[in-house]
């Protein structure tokens, strides 16, 4: 059928708008592979949608002898202790980007009415870190249920004093304090693997995840085990507030030795958190809610009562931390929380 002249340009513009983002870019891994082989993407015939260049296109170009001349590689540097299976750039230097580029990211078909836009920098970084962590660390998870009754008692007892001091002591702060103390007693959970060596961290630097509209950021409370309950509360509140207002300093999101994430505030009951590399463990906090539980009094009589309880989920790297290590650590965190003091 004949298309009216006025309608044709509009249709062309809609098609161009839908496919233009695909023409303008390839994926970051494809660009990295091309750079590694000295290939100009503009010289490669793309087979993807709207002529998009894929990994296979780059490798085919290389195999056909069209690779640009490469400089002579520098002599290998002295061996460095890096994660097992890590990728290296010419010269022997470890490269997370090169490691990430080894992951094949499938191209998917894009419909005419779909919206295509580049990942934000934060989303791209999170994606890269999560893929790397699952490739590097064999994840195991253990779960403990914790009674929050004692924490509620301490909060009620000190509510007025804390209010006068201008500090808010949340469940997260109690958990953070218990975790920091337990990490000092269980150094394997506060360690990292470097090549074939284990590095036991001298400091307990606790990363506490903060959810943002654009993603997730993890500011670090340094020497968390040396802070009082109220000191920890102030530090956590300050970091969280500046994280949400984008005022954190670069060093305040670096150097963590263990991570605490609390999806329970959104209603999550239990989850399987992914370790933040190069750490070996992460604690996920489930929602706290009243449940019917059986308690035994001093005379051995059982009764069903309502108690505030919630699950803690520990994800750990089975290369270093085995089930007994993880369970002993979680048991200690549970004990500290259920016997908390102000």
Protein backbone atom coordinates (compact mmCIF):
# COMPACT_ATOMS: atom_id res chain seq x y z
CA UNK A 1 0.00 0.00 0.00
CA UNK A 2 1.09 3.53 -0.73
CA UNK A 3 2.27 5.46 2.31
CA UNK A 4 1.35 9.15 2.31
CA UNK A 5 4.39 11.38 1.91
CA UNK A 6 3.70 13.14 5.22
CA UNK A 7 3.55 9.86 7.15
CA UNK A 8 6.68 8.25 5.72
CA UNK A 9 9.24 10.61 7.29
CA UNK A 10 7.55 10.20 10.70
CA UNK A 11 7.71 6.41 10.43
CA UNK A 12 11.37 6.62 9.42
CA UNK A 13 12.10 8.83 12.40
CA UNK A 14 10.44 6.35 14.80
CA UNK A 15 12.49 3.47 13.38
CA UNK A 16 15.69 5.50 13.58
CA UNK A 17 14.93 6.50 17.17
CA UNK A 18 14.37 2.88 18.21
CA UNK A 19 17.56 1.57 16.61
CA UNK A 20 19.94 4.51 16.90
CA UNK A 21 21.23 3.50 20.41
CA UNK A 22 22.17 0.09 18.99
CA UNK A 23 24.08 1.66 16.10
CA UNK A 24 26.00 3.97 18.43
CA UNK A 25 27.40 1.42 20.84
CA UNK A 26 28.60 -2.09 21.47
CA UNK A 27 28.80 -3.66 24.91
CA UNK A 28 31.72 -2.79 27.25
CA UNK A 29 33.13 -6.36 27.05
CA UNK A 30 33.14 -6.17 23.23
CA UNK A 31 34.96 -2.84 23.33
CA UNK A 32 37.53 -4.25 25.75
CA UNK A 33 38.14 -7.32 23.57
CA UNK A 34 38.54 -5.09 20.52
CA UNK A 35 41.02 -2.88 22.38
CA UNK A 36 43.02 -5.89 23.54
CA UNK A 37 43.43 -7.03 19.92
CA UNK A 38 44.01 -3.56 18.48
CA UNK A 39 40.80 -3.68 16.46
CA UNK A 40 38.90 -0.54 15.47
CA UNK A 41 35.18 -1.30 15.85
CA UNK A 42 34.40 0.97 12.90
CA UNK A 43 36.34 -1.47 10.69
CA UNK A 44 34.32 -4.49 11.81
CA UNK A 45 31.15 -5.56 10.02
CA UNK A 46 28.53 -6.05 12.72
CA UNK A 47 26.09 -8.96 12.62
CA UNK A 48 23.95 -7.88 15.57
CA UNK A 49 20.72 -5.93 15.44
CA UNK A 50 21.04 -2.68 13.49
CA UNK A 51 24.65 -3.57 12.66
CA UNK A 52 25.77 -3.83 16.26
CA UNK A 53 29.25 -5.37 16.64
CA UNK A 54 29.31 -8.53 18.76
CA UNK A 55 32.15 -10.47 20.38
CA UNK A 56 31.96 -13.05 17.60
CA UNK A 57 32.34 -10.30 14.97
CA UNK A 58 35.54 -9.04 16.64
CA UNK A 59 37.05 -12.51 16.97
CA UNK A 60 36.17 -13.33 13.35
CA UNK A 61 37.88 -10.11 12.27
CA UNK A 62 40.99 -11.08 14.24
CA UNK A 63 41.05 -14.59 12.82
CA UNK A 64 40.87 -13.23 9.27
CA UNK A 65 44.16 -11.43 9.83
CA UNK A 66 42.72 -7.91 10.00
CA UNK A 67 44.09 -7.13 13.45
CA UNK A 68 45.97 -3.86 13.74
CA UNK A 69 49.70 -4.06 14.64
CA UNK A 70 50.33 -4.53 18.36
CA UNK A 71 53.28 -3.17 20.34
CA UNK A 72 55.72 -5.67 21.74
CA UNK A 73 54.58 -6.81 25.16
CA UNK A 74 56.74 -5.80 28.09
CA UNK A 75 58.53 -8.56 30.00
CA UNK A 76 56.29 -10.19 32.61
CA UNK A 77 56.35 -8.42 35.93
CA UNK A 78 57.10 -10.27 39.13
CA UNK A 79 54.23 -12.55 40.14
CA UNK A 80 51.55 -10.87 42.23
CA UNK A 81 49.17 -12.48 44.62
CA UNK A 82 45.81 -12.10 42.89
CA UNK A 83 42.50 -14.01 42.97
CA UNK A 84 42.64 -17.51 41.58
CA UNK A 85 41.81 -17.61 37.87
CA UNK A 86 42.40 -13.87 37.55
CA UNK A 87 42.97 -12.30 34.15
CA UNK A 88 46.14 -10.46 33.29
CA UNK A 89 46.94 -7.74 30.82
CA UNK A 90 50.22 -7.65 28.82
CA UNK A 91 53.00 -7.19 31.34
CA UNK A 92 51.43 -9.48 33.93
CA UNK A 93 49.36 -6.81 35.72
CA UNK A 94 46.05 -8.03 37.08
CA UNK A 95 42.98 -6.49 35.43
CA UNK A 96 39.43 -6.78 36.73
CA UNK A 97 38.22 -5.43 33.38
CA UNK A 98 40.06 -8.18 31.52
CA UNK A 99 38.67 -10.74 33.94
CA UNK A 100 35.15 -9.42 33.44
CA UNK A 101 35.58 -9.41 29.65
CA UNK A 102 35.99 -13.18 29.75
CA UNK A 103 32.31 -13.45 30.69
CA UNK A 104 30.06 -13.89 27.67
CA UNK A 105 27.07 -11.57 27.83
CA UNK A 106 24.39 -12.73 25.39
CA UNK A 107 22.86 -10.28 22.98
CA UNK A 108 19.06 -10.27 22.98
CA UNK A 109 16.53 -9.29 20.38
CA UNK A 110 15.05 -5.80 20.75
CA UNK A 111 11.45 -5.19 19.79
CA UNK A 112 10.41 -2.12 17.81
CA UNK A 113 8.66 -0.58 20.83
CA UNK A 114 11.34 -1.47 23.41
CA UNK A 115 13.43 1.29 24.98
CA UNK A 116 17.21 0.77 24.79
CA UNK A 117 19.51 2.83 26.98
CA UNK A 118 23.05 2.37 28.31
CA UNK A 119 23.53 1.05 31.84
CA UNK A 120 24.23 3.73 34.42
CA UNK A 121 27.75 3.69 35.82
CA UNK A 122 26.44 2.43 39.19
CA UNK A 123 24.44 -0.39 37.60
CA UNK A 124 27.42 -1.37 35.45
CA UNK A 125 29.74 -1.50 38.47
CA UNK A 126 27.26 -3.56 40.51
CA UNK A 127 26.78 -5.97 37.60
CA UNK A 128 30.50 -6.39 37.16
CA UNK A 129 31.12 -6.96 40.87
CA UNK A 130 28.34 -9.51 41.22
CA UNK A 131 29.42 -11.52 38.16
CA UNK A 132 33.03 -11.53 39.34
CA UNK A 133 32.07 -12.60 42.84
CA UNK A 134 30.01 -15.56 41.66
CA UNK A 135 32.87 -16.64 39.39
CA UNK A 136 35.55 -16.30 42.06
CA UNK A 137 33.86 -17.50 45.26
CA UNK A 138 31.96 -20.77 45.74
CA UNK A 139 29.07 -19.40 47.79
CA UNK A 140 27.55 -21.24 50.75
CA UNK A 141 24.77 -19.83 52.95
CA UNK A 142 23.78 -20.53 56.54
CA UNK A 143 20.72 -19.20 58.37
CA UNK A 144 20.01 -18.52 62.04
CA UNK A 145 16.83 -17.20 63.66
CA UNK A 146 17.35 -14.50 66.28
CA UNK A 147 15.08 -13.30 69.08
CA UNK A 148 15.00 -9.49 69.27
CA UNK A 149 13.24 -9.31 72.64
CA UNK A 150 16.40 -8.36 74.55
CA UNK A 151 17.28 -5.65 72.05
CA UNK A 152 13.76 -4.22 72.43
CA UNK A 153 14.22 -4.13 76.20
CA UNK A 154 17.52 -2.26 75.91
CA UNK A 155 16.06 0.21 73.42
CA UNK A 156 13.05 0.89 75.67
CA UNK A 157 15.27 1.37 78.71
CA UNK A 158 17.59 3.85 76.98
CA UNK A 159 15.13 5.58 74.64
CA UNK A 160 14.96 8.85 76.59
CA UNK A 161 18.73 9.04 77.15
CA UNK A 162 19.48 8.41 73.50
CA UNK A 163 16.89 10.95 72.43
CA UNK A 164 18.56 13.57 74.65
CA UNK A 165 21.89 12.70 73.05
CA UNK A 166 20.37 13.07 69.59
CA UNK A 167 21.14 9.52 68.52
CA UNK A 168 18.89 6.81 67.09
CA UNK A 169 19.95 3.24 67.85
CA UNK A 170 18.24 0.93 65.37
CA UNK A 171 18.25 -2.85 65.04
CA UNK A 172 20.93 -2.45 62.37
CA UNK A 173 23.26 -0.80 64.88
CA UNK A 174 22.84 -3.65 67.38
CA UNK A 175 23.52 -6.17 64.61
CA UNK A 176 26.56 -4.21 63.42
CA UNK A 177 28.01 -4.14 66.93
CA UNK A 178 27.49 -7.88 67.38
CA UNK A 179 29.04 -8.59 63.97
CA UNK A 180 32.07 -6.37 64.66
CA UNK A 181 32.75 -8.10 67.97
CA UNK A 182 32.24 -11.57 66.48
CA UNK A 183 34.62 -10.77 63.62
CA UNK A 184 37.37 -9.95 66.10
CA UNK A 185 36.80 -13.35 67.73
CA UNK A 186 36.53 -15.19 64.37
CA UNK A 187 39.28 -13.67 62.17
CA UNK A 188 38.74 -16.12 59.32
CA UNK A 189 35.50 -14.28 58.48
CA UNK A 190 37.46 -11.00 58.41
CA UNK A 191 40.08 -12.30 56.00
CA UNK A 192 40.64 -12.48 52.25
CA UNK A 193 42.30 -14.87 49.80
CA UNK A 194 45.22 -13.51 47.78
CA UNK A 195 46.49 -16.07 45.29
CA UNK A 196 47.49 -19.06 47.40
CA UNK A 197 47.74 -17.04 50.63
CA UNK A 198 45.23 -16.00 53.29
CA UNK A 199 45.37 -12.40 54.50
CA UNK A 200 43.90 -11.84 57.97
CA UNK A 201 42.87 -8.22 58.19
CA UNK A 202 44.21 -6.20 61.12
CA UNK A 203 41.13 -3.94 61.19
CA UNK A 204 37.42 -4.66 61.32
CA UNK A 205 36.07 -2.33 58.63
CA UNK A 206 32.36 -2.98 58.34
CA UNK A 207 30.60 -2.12 55.08
CA UNK A 208 26.91 -1.35 55.55
CA UNK A 209 24.83 -1.35 52.35
CA UNK A 210 22.60 1.66 51.67
CA UNK A 211 19.84 1.38 49.07
CA UNK A 212 19.56 4.28 46.62
CA UNK A 213 17.06 4.91 43.84
CA UNK A 214 19.79 4.26 41.28
CA UNK A 215 21.22 1.16 42.95
CA UNK A 216 23.27 0.33 46.01
CA UNK A 217 26.31 1.80 47.74
CA UNK A 218 28.31 0.40 50.66
CA UNK A 219 29.98 2.99 52.92
CA UNK A 220 32.53 1.56 55.35
CA UNK A 221 32.63 2.00 59.14
CA UNK A 222 36.32 1.72 59.95
CA UNK A 223 37.43 0.00 63.15
CA UNK A 224 33.80 -0.76 63.94
CA UNK A 225 34.78 -3.06 66.81
CA UNK A 226 36.33 -0.12 68.68
CA UNK A 227 33.16 2.01 68.72
CA UNK A 228 30.56 2.16 71.49
CA UNK A 229 26.93 1.43 70.65
CA UNK A 230 26.04 5.13 70.39
CA UNK A 231 29.29 5.92 68.58
CA UNK A 232 28.50 3.23 66.03
CA UNK A 233 24.93 4.57 65.70
CA UNK A 234 26.20 8.07 64.94
CA UNK A 235 28.71 6.79 62.42
CA UNK A 236 26.18 4.60 60.61
CA UNK A 237 23.59 7.40 60.47
CA UNK A 238 26.17 9.90 59.15
CA UNK A 239 27.41 7.60 56.40
CA UNK A 240 23.90 6.60 55.34
CA UNK A 241 22.75 10.23 55.15
CA UNK A 242 25.75 11.30 53.08
CA UNK A 243 25.39 8.24 50.86
CA UNK A 244 21.83 9.28 49.99
CA UNK A 245 22.90 12.87 49.36
CA UNK A 246 25.90 11.74 47.28
CA UNK A 247 28.43 13.38 49.60
CA UNK A 248 30.58 10.37 50.47
CA UNK A 249 34.33 10.61 49.93
CA UNK A 250 35.93 7.93 47.71
CA UNK A 251 37.85 6.44 50.63
CA UNK A 252 34.61 6.00 52.58
CA UNK A 253 33.45 3.25 50.22
CA UNK A 254 36.78 1.42 50.10
CA UNK A 255 38.66 -0.97 52.34
CA UNK A 256 35.73 -2.94 53.77
CA UNK A 257 36.57 -6.32 55.32
CA UNK A 258 32.99 -7.60 55.81
CA UNK A 259 29.59 -6.42 54.58
CA UNK A 260 26.20 -6.12 56.27
CA UNK A 261 23.08 -5.71 54.12
CA UNK A 262 19.56 -5.29 55.47
CA UNK A 263 16.87 -6.03 52.85
CA UNK A 264 14.56 -6.85 55.75
CA UNK A 265 13.54 -3.19 55.91
CA UNK A 266 11.70 -3.79 52.61
CA UNK A 267 9.95 -6.92 53.87
CA UNK A 268 12.42 -9.61 52.83
CA UNK A 269 12.21 -12.59 55.19
CA UNK A 270 15.37 -14.35 54.07
CA UNK A 271 17.82 -14.02 51.20
CA UNK A 272 21.07 -15.24 49.63
CA UNK A 273 23.46 -12.26 49.59
CA UNK A 274 26.45 -12.22 47.24
CA UNK A 275 29.91 -11.59 48.69
CA UNK A 276 31.64 -8.29 47.95
CA UNK A 277 35.11 -9.14 46.61
CA UNK A 278 37.75 -9.54 47.92
CA UNK A 279 35.91 -10.21 51.17
CA UNK A 280 34.97 -13.77 52.14
CA UNK A 281 31.61 -13.22 53.84
CA UNK A 282 28.46 -11.09 53.93
CA UNK A 283 25.54 -10.99 56.35
CA UNK A 284 21.98 -10.47 55.13
CA UNK A 285 19.34 -9.37 57.65
CA UNK A 286 15.73 -10.47 57.23
CA UNK A 287 12.65 -8.62 58.40
CA UNK A 288 11.75 -8.64 62.10
CA UNK A 289 8.20 -9.70 62.92
CA UNK A 290 6.19 -11.20 65.76
CA UNK A 291 5.97 -14.99 65.66
CA UNK A 292 4.44 -17.63 67.88
CA UNK A 293 7.27 -19.51 69.59
CA UNK A 294 7.55 -22.10 72.35
CA UNK A 295 9.43 -21.02 75.46
CA UNK A 296 10.27 -23.05 78.57
CA UNK A 297 10.19 -21.46 82.03
CA UNK A 298 12.47 -22.24 84.96
CA UNK A 299 10.19 -25.08 86.06
CA UNK A 300 10.35 -26.82 82.68
CA UNK A 301 6.85 -25.76 81.62
CA UNK A 302 6.33 -24.91 77.95
CA UNK A 303 4.22 -22.02 76.73
CA UNK A 304 3.43 -20.47 73.35
CA UNK A 305 4.18 -16.76 73.32
CA UNK A 306 4.60 -13.96 70.75
CA UNK A 307 8.20 -12.87 70.23
CA UNK A 308 9.90 -10.58 67.72
CA UNK A 309 12.19 -12.73 65.63
CA UNK A 310 14.07 -12.53 62.36
CA UNK A 311 16.53 -14.48 60.22
CA UNK A 312 20.20 -13.76 59.63
CA UNK A 313 21.70 -15.18 56.41
CA UNK A 314 25.46 -15.56 56.18
CA UNK A 315 26.97 -15.97 52.72
CA UNK A 316 30.58 -17.14 52.77
CA UNK A 317 33.39 -18.21 50.48
CA UNK A 318 33.82 -21.97 50.81
CA UNK A 319 37.43 -21.75 49.62
CA UNK A 320 38.29 -20.46 53.10
CA UNK A 321 35.23 -20.59 55.33
CA UNK A 322 33.62 -23.98 55.92
CA UNK A 323 30.22 -24.71 57.43
CA UNK A 324 31.51 -25.05 60.98
CA UNK A 325 33.29 -21.68 60.73
CA UNK A 326 30.19 -19.96 59.42
CA UNK A 327 27.89 -21.55 61.99
CA UNK A 328 30.15 -20.71 64.93
CA UNK A 329 30.33 -17.11 63.77
CA UNK A 330 26.56 -16.86 63.34
CA UNK A 331 25.97 -18.52 66.71
CA UNK A 332 28.18 -15.88 68.34
CA UNK A 333 26.36 -13.03 66.58
CA UNK A 334 23.05 -14.49 67.76
CA UNK A 335 24.33 -14.81 71.33
CA UNK A 336 25.57 -11.22 71.41
CA UNK A 337 22.29 -9.91 70.07
CA UNK A 338 20.16 -11.91 72.50
CA UNK A 339 22.25 -10.77 75.49
CA UNK A 340 22.73 -7.18 74.31
CA UNK A 341 23.57 -4.37 76.71
CA UNK A 342 23.08 -0.64 76.25
